[in-house]
Amino acid sequence: MSLGRNEPRTVDVPKVMTPTNHSTDNSKRKIRPAAYLLPVLALTLAPTLAGCGSEATDPGANVSDVPTSSSPTPAEDPKVAAAIADLAKRQGVKSEEITVVSNDKVTWRDGSLGCPEPGKMYTMVLTDGVRVVLEAAGKTYEYHGGESGPVRFCENPQEPVPGEASSDAPQ
């Protein structure tokens, strides 16, 4: 069959390709939340997984060859010093009037680091961090933070995951 120059050219389109068959397809709605969650989860877990493994990868390595670090005293810990400086400014007292009650390594229940703010969403993953408890004028104040980064004042602190916490506070 030969088409002339001015004859319309038409093609039969199979019914499965028509837009009306896709209007009831809800698969995109079901996938969309996961599409947002997976990258966030990957970014959250990447630092944790990057630290996995042994410091001494050689099976014959001597234990004494593995570097060790001593934990700093509360006065030497930059997170504690920052918390003391912030509380002194916040309460209008001298830093000498502030006592370190505790400086603990803890595991927080989520990315809020035990200090959630209304209306904000946080990653739902256990997060290693610190809790610094200070006392000034007979009242206690909590500062929460992650393993890295600064600590921040927490008005409505939540408890970390129960377990043995390591405290660097003076006894």
C-alpha atoms as a PDB file:
ATOM      1  CA  MET A   1       0.000   0.000   0.000  1.00  0.00           C
ATOM      2  CA  SER A   2       1.407   3.339  -0.965  1.00  0.00           C
ATOM      3  CA  LEU A   3       0.377   6.567   0.759  1.00  0.00           C
ATOM      4  CA  GLY A   4      -0.024   9.693  -1.255  1.00  0.00           C
ATOM      5  CA  ARG A   5       1.512  12.949  -0.269  1.00  0.00           C
ATOM      6  CA  ASN A   6      -1.584  14.420   1.384  1.00  0.00           C
ATOM      7  CA  GLU A   7      -3.002  11.275   2.946  1.00  0.00           C
ATOM      8  CA  PRO A   8      -3.033  11.167   6.774  1.00  0.00           C
ATOM      9  CA  ARG A   9      -0.660   8.717   8.359  1.00  0.00           C
ATOM     10  CA  THR A  10      -2.049   6.919  11.378  1.00  0.00           C
ATOM     11  CA  VAL A  11      -0.683   4.234  13.611  1.00  0.00           C
ATOM     12  CA  ASP A  12      -2.679   1.904  15.806  1.00  0.00           C
ATOM     13  CA  VAL A  13      -1.603   2.443  19.431  1.00  0.00           C
ATOM     14  CA  PRO A  14      -2.052  -0.554  21.705  1.00  0.00           C
ATOM     15  CA  LYS A  15      -4.549   0.017  24.482  1.00  0.00           C
ATOM     16  CA  VAL A  16      -1.999  -0.730  27.236  1.00  0.00           C
ATOM     17  CA  MET A  17      -0.071   2.427  26.333  1.00  0.00           C
ATOM     18  CA  THR A  18      -2.959   4.832  26.722  1.00  0.00           C
ATOM     19  CA  PRO A  19      -2.803   7.271  29.643  1.00  0.00           C
ATOM     20  CA  THR A  20      -6.144   6.113  31.050  1.00  0.00           C
ATOM     21  CA  ASN A  21      -4.656   2.759  32.028  1.00  0.00           C
ATOM     22  CA  HIS A  22      -2.028   4.485  34.236  1.00  0.00           C
ATOM     23  CA  SER A  23      -4.369   6.788  36.144  1.00  0.00           C
ATOM     24  CA  THR A  24      -5.208   4.097  38.680  1.00  0.00           C
ATOM     25  CA  ASP A  25      -1.577   3.028  39.175  1.00  0.00           C
ATOM     26  CA  ASN A  26      -0.637   3.922  42.765  1.00  0.00           C
ATOM     27  CA  SER A  27       2.829   2.333  42.709  1.00  0.00           C
ATOM     28  CA  LYS A  28       4.547   5.731  42.557  1.00  0.00           C
ATOM     29  CA  ARG A  29       2.823   6.830  45.740  1.00  0.00           C
ATOM     30  CA  LYS A  30       3.986   3.697  47.542  1.00  0.00           C
ATOM     31  CA  ILE A  31       7.599   4.058  46.430  1.00  0.00           C
ATOM     32  CA  ARG A  32       7.961   7.794  47.011  1.00  0.00           C
ATOM     33  CA  PRO A  33       8.421   7.762  50.852  1.00  0.00           C
ATOM     34  CA  ALA A  34      11.064   5.069  50.546  1.00  0.00           C
ATOM     35  CA  ALA A  35      12.822   7.098  47.884  1.00  0.00           C
ATOM     36  CA  TYR A  36      13.303   9.875  50.433  1.00  0.00           C
ATOM     37  CA  LEU A  37      14.096   7.619  53.386  1.00  0.00           C
ATOM     38  CA  LEU A  38      16.829   5.555  51.772  1.00  0.00           C
ATOM     39  CA  PRO A  39      19.206   8.435  50.925  1.00  0.00           C
ATOM     40  CA  VAL A  40      18.716   9.939  54.392  1.00  0.00           C
ATOM     41  CA  LEU A  41      19.380   6.578  56.000  1.00  0.00           C
ATOM     42  CA  ALA A  42      22.452   6.035  53.817  1.00  0.00           C
ATOM     43  CA  LEU A  43      23.860   9.444  54.735  1.00  0.00           C
ATOM     44  CA  THR A  44      23.165   8.806  58.407  1.00  0.00           C
ATOM     45  CA  LEU A  45      24.784   5.385  58.484  1.00  0.00           C
ATOM     46  CA  ALA A  46      27.774   6.198  56.248  1.00  0.00           C
ATOM     47  CA  PRO A  47      29.908   7.737  59.042  1.00  0.00           C
ATOM     48  CA  THR A  48      29.072   4.847  61.353  1.00  0.00           C
ATOM     49  CA  LEU A  49      29.878   2.186  58.783  1.00  0.00           C
ATOM     50  CA  ALA A  50      33.049   3.972  57.697  1.00  0.00           C
ATOM     51  CA  GLY A  51      34.405   3.446  61.210  1.00  0.00           C
ATOM     52  CA  CYS A  52      33.669  -0.283  61.173  1.00  0.00           C
ATOM     53  CA  GLY A  53      36.558  -2.630  61.180  1.00  0.00           C
ATOM     54  CA  SER A  54      39.608  -3.197  63.230  1.00  0.00           C
ATOM     55  CA  GLU A  55      42.332  -0.680  63.899  1.00  0.00           C
ATOM     56  CA  ALA A  56      44.802  -3.546  63.664  1.00  0.00           C
ATOM     57  CA  THR A  57      43.927  -5.274  60.394  1.00  0.00           C
ATOM     58  CA  ASP A  58      46.996  -7.504  60.487  1.00  0.00           C
ATOM     59  CA  PRO A  59      46.016 -10.728  62.307  1.00  0.00           C
ATOM     60  CA  GLY A  60      49.557 -10.958  63.689  1.00  0.00           C
ATOM     61  CA  ALA A  61      49.620  -7.392  64.962  1.00  0.00           C
ATOM     62  CA  ASN A  62      50.630  -6.925  68.546  1.00  0.00           C
ATOM     63  CA  VAL A  63      47.930  -5.433  70.769  1.00  0.00           C
ATOM     64  CA  SER A  64      50.453  -2.904  72.064  1.00  0.00           C
ATOM     65  CA  ASP A  65      50.839  -1.598  68.487  1.00  0.00           C
ATOM     66  CA  VAL A  66      47.203  -0.412  68.454  1.00  0.00           C
ATOM     67  CA  PRO A  67      47.037   3.288  69.369  1.00  0.00           C
ATOM     68  CA  THR A  68      45.288   4.108  72.602  1.00  0.00           C
ATOM     69  CA  SER A  69      43.919   7.376  73.882  1.00  0.00           C
ATOM     70  CA  SER A  70      43.271   8.486  77.394  1.00  0.00           C
ATOM     71  CA  SER A  71      40.009  10.306  77.966  1.00  0.00           C
ATOM     72  CA  PRO A  72      40.486  13.956  78.860  1.00  0.00           C
ATOM     73  CA  THR A  73      39.480  15.287  82.247  1.00  0.00           C
ATOM     74  CA  PRO A  74      36.256  17.314  82.235  1.00  0.00           C
ATOM     75  CA  ALA A  75      38.216  20.580  82.366  1.00  0.00           C
ATOM     76  CA  GLU A  76      40.288  19.532  79.307  1.00  0.00           C
ATOM     77  CA  ASP A  77      37.320  18.281  77.275  1.00  0.00           C
ATOM     78  CA  PRO A  78      36.400  20.959  74.705  1.00  0.00           C
ATOM     79  CA  LYS A  79      32.734  19.941  74.809  1.00  0.00           C
ATOM     80  CA  VAL A  80      32.598  20.435  78.575  1.00  0.00           C
ATOM     81  CA  ALA A  81      34.461  23.738  78.298  1.00  0.00           C
ATOM     82  CA  ALA A  82      31.980  24.921  75.641  1.00  0.00           C
ATOM     83  CA  ALA A  83      29.027  23.880  77.807  1.00  0.00           C
ATOM     84  CA  ILE A  84      30.469  25.719  80.834  1.00  0.00           C
ATOM     85  CA  ALA A  85      31.081  28.856  78.768  1.00  0.00           C
ATOM     86  CA  ASP A  86      27.538  28.758  77.366  1.00  0.00           C
ATOM     87  CA  LEU A  87      25.932  28.203  80.772  1.00  0.00           C
ATOM     88  CA  ALA A  88      28.001  30.986  82.357  1.00  0.00           C
ATOM     89  CA  LYS A  89      26.804  33.387  79.644  1.00  0.00           C
ATOM     90  CA  ARG A  90      23.229  32.076  79.748  1.00  0.00           C
ATOM     91  CA  GLN A  91      22.920  32.348  83.559  1.00  0.00           C
ATOM     92  CA  GLY A  92      25.172  35.371  84.045  1.00  0.00           C
ATOM     93  CA  VAL A  93      27.525  33.566  86.429  1.00  0.00           C
ATOM     94  CA  LYS A  94      31.275  33.014  86.480  1.00  0.00           C
ATOM     95  CA  SER A  95      32.496  29.724  85.042  1.00  0.00           C
ATOM     96  CA  GLU A  96      34.151  28.970  88.406  1.00  0.00           C
ATOM     97  CA  GLU A  97      30.654  28.836  89.944  1.00  0.00           C
ATOM     98  CA  ILE A  98      29.653  25.956  87.653  1.00  0.00           C
ATOM     99  CA  THR A  99      30.219  22.334  88.654  1.00  0.00           C
ATOM    100  CA  VAL A 100      30.480  19.390  86.256  1.00  0.00           C
ATOM    101  CA  VAL A 101      28.022  16.796  87.570  1.00  0.00           C
ATOM    102  CA  SER A 102      28.703  14.295  84.784  1.00  0.00           C
ATOM    103  CA  ASN A 103      30.260  13.956  81.355  1.00  0.00           C
ATOM    104  CA  ASP A 104      28.967  10.704  79.875  1.00  0.00           C
ATOM    105  CA  LYS A 105      29.298   8.905  76.583  1.00  0.00           C
ATOM    106  CA  VAL A 106      25.773   7.758  75.767  1.00  0.00           C
ATOM    107  CA  THR A 107      23.651   6.349  72.965  1.00  0.00           C
ATOM    108  CA  TRP A 108      20.748   8.534  71.907  1.00  0.00           C
ATOM    109  CA  ARG A 109      17.493   7.008  70.639  1.00  0.00           C
ATOM    110  CA  ASP A 110      17.448   9.121  67.445  1.00  0.00           C
ATOM    111  CA  GLY A 111      19.040  12.036  65.609  1.00  0.00           C
ATOM    112  CA  SER A 112      17.542  14.564  68.033  1.00  0.00           C
ATOM    113  CA  LEU A 113      20.326  13.596  70.468  1.00  0.00           C
ATOM    114  CA  GLY A 114      17.830  13.469  73.336  1.00  0.00           C
ATOM    115  CA  CYS A 115      16.673  17.016  72.737  1.00  0.00           C
ATOM    116  CA  PRO A 116      13.838  16.969  70.174  1.00  0.00           C
ATOM    117  CA  GLU A 117      12.271  20.214  69.003  1.00  0.00           C
ATOM    118  CA  PRO A 118       8.549  20.364  68.176  1.00  0.00           C
ATOM    119  CA  GLY A 119       7.773  20.203  64.469  1.00  0.00           C
ATOM    120  CA  LYS A 120      11.153  18.778  63.455  1.00  0.00           C
ATOM    121  CA  MET A 121      11.803  15.286  62.122  1.00  0.00           C
ATOM    122  CA  TYR A 122      14.871  13.260  63.052  1.00  0.00           C
ATOM    123  CA  THR A 123      16.605  10.161  61.765  1.00  0.00           C
ATOM    124  CA  MET A 124      15.372   7.076  63.587  1.00  0.00           C
ATOM    125  CA  VAL A 125      18.726   5.489  64.299  1.00  0.00           C
ATOM    126  CA  LEU A 126      20.659   4.942  67.508  1.00  0.00           C
ATOM    127  CA  THR A 127      23.337   7.630  67.703  1.00  0.00           C
ATOM    128  CA  ASP A 128      26.467   7.665  69.860  1.00  0.00           C
ATOM    129  CA  GLY A 129      27.032  10.928  71.658  1.00  0.00           C
ATOM    130  CA  VAL A 130      27.648  12.724  74.916  1.00  0.00           C
ATOM    131  CA  ARG A 131      25.628  14.185  77.763  1.00  0.00           C
ATOM    132  CA  VAL A 132      27.196  16.869  79.920  1.00  0.00           C
ATOM    133  CA  VAL A 133      25.317  17.721  83.123  1.00  0.00           C
ATOM    134  CA  LEU A 134      26.318  20.946  84.853  1.00  0.00           C
ATOM    135  CA  GLU A 135      25.177  22.546  88.106  1.00  0.00           C
ATOM    136  CA  ALA A 136      24.950  26.250  88.863  1.00  0.00           C
ATOM    137  CA  ALA A 137      23.235  27.852  91.870  1.00  0.00           C
ATOM    138  CA  GLY A 138      21.751  24.509  92.921  1.00  0.00           C
ATOM    139  CA  LYS A 139      20.093  23.811  89.555  1.00  0.00           C
ATOM    140  CA  THR A 140      21.208  21.260  86.955  1.00  0.00           C
ATOM    141  CA  TYR A 141      21.493  21.874  83.215  1.00  0.00           C
ATOM    142  CA  GLU A 142      22.017  19.366  80.412  1.00  0.00           C
ATOM    143  CA  TYR A 143      24.020  19.720  77.222  1.00  0.00           C
ATOM    144  CA  HIS A 144      23.682  17.046  74.550  1.00  0.00           C
ATOM    145  CA  GLY A 145      25.732  16.299  71.473  1.00  0.00           C
ATOM    146  CA  GLY A 146      26.950  13.672  69.057  1.00  0.00           C
ATOM    147  CA  GLU A 147      30.374  12.055  69.039  1.00  0.00           C
ATOM    148  CA  SER A 148      31.601  14.850  66.820  1.00  0.00           C
ATOM    149  CA  GLY A 149      30.380  18.401  66.701  1.00  0.00           C
ATOM    150  CA  PRO A 150      29.387  20.716  69.505  1.00  0.00           C
ATOM    151  CA  VAL A 151      27.099  20.139  72.448  1.00  0.00           C
ATOM    152  CA  ARG A 152      24.009  22.276  72.850  1.00  0.00           C
ATOM    153  CA  PHE A 153      21.815  23.296  75.743  1.00  0.00           C
ATOM    154  CA  CYS A 154      18.743  21.106  76.117  1.00  0.00           C
ATOM    155  CA  GLU A 155      15.688  22.612  77.817  1.00  0.00           C
ATOM    156  CA  ASN A 156      13.614  19.406  77.826  1.00  0.00           C
ATOM    157  CA  PRO A 157      16.149  16.583  77.918  1.00  0.00           C
ATOM    158  CA  GLN A 158      15.209  12.986  77.243  1.00  0.00           C
ATOM    159  CA  GLU A 159      17.060  10.008  78.627  1.00  0.00           C
ATOM    160  CA  PRO A 160      19.534   8.125  76.449  1.00  0.00           C
ATOM    161  CA  VAL A 161      19.273   4.397  75.751  1.00  0.00           C
ATOM    162  CA  PRO A 162      19.673   2.540  79.063  1.00  0.00           C
ATOM    163  CA  GLY A 163      23.005   0.888  79.560  1.00  0.00           C
ATOM    164  CA  GLU A 164      26.349   1.403  81.119  1.00  0.00           C
ATOM    165  CA  ALA A 165      27.501   4.953  80.555  1.00  0.00           C
ATOM    166  CA  SER A 166      31.106   5.940  80.946  1.00  0.00           C
ATOM    167  CA  SER A 167      31.513   9.036  83.046  1.00  0.00           C
ATOM    168  CA  ASP A 168      34.507  11.344  83.021  1.00  0.00           C
ATOM    169  CA  ALA A 169      33.099  13.488  85.830  1.00  0.00           C
ATOM    170  CA  PRO A 170      35.171  13.956  88.954  1.00  0.00           C
ATOM    171  CA  GLN A 171      34.076  11.747  91.826  1.00  0.00           C
END
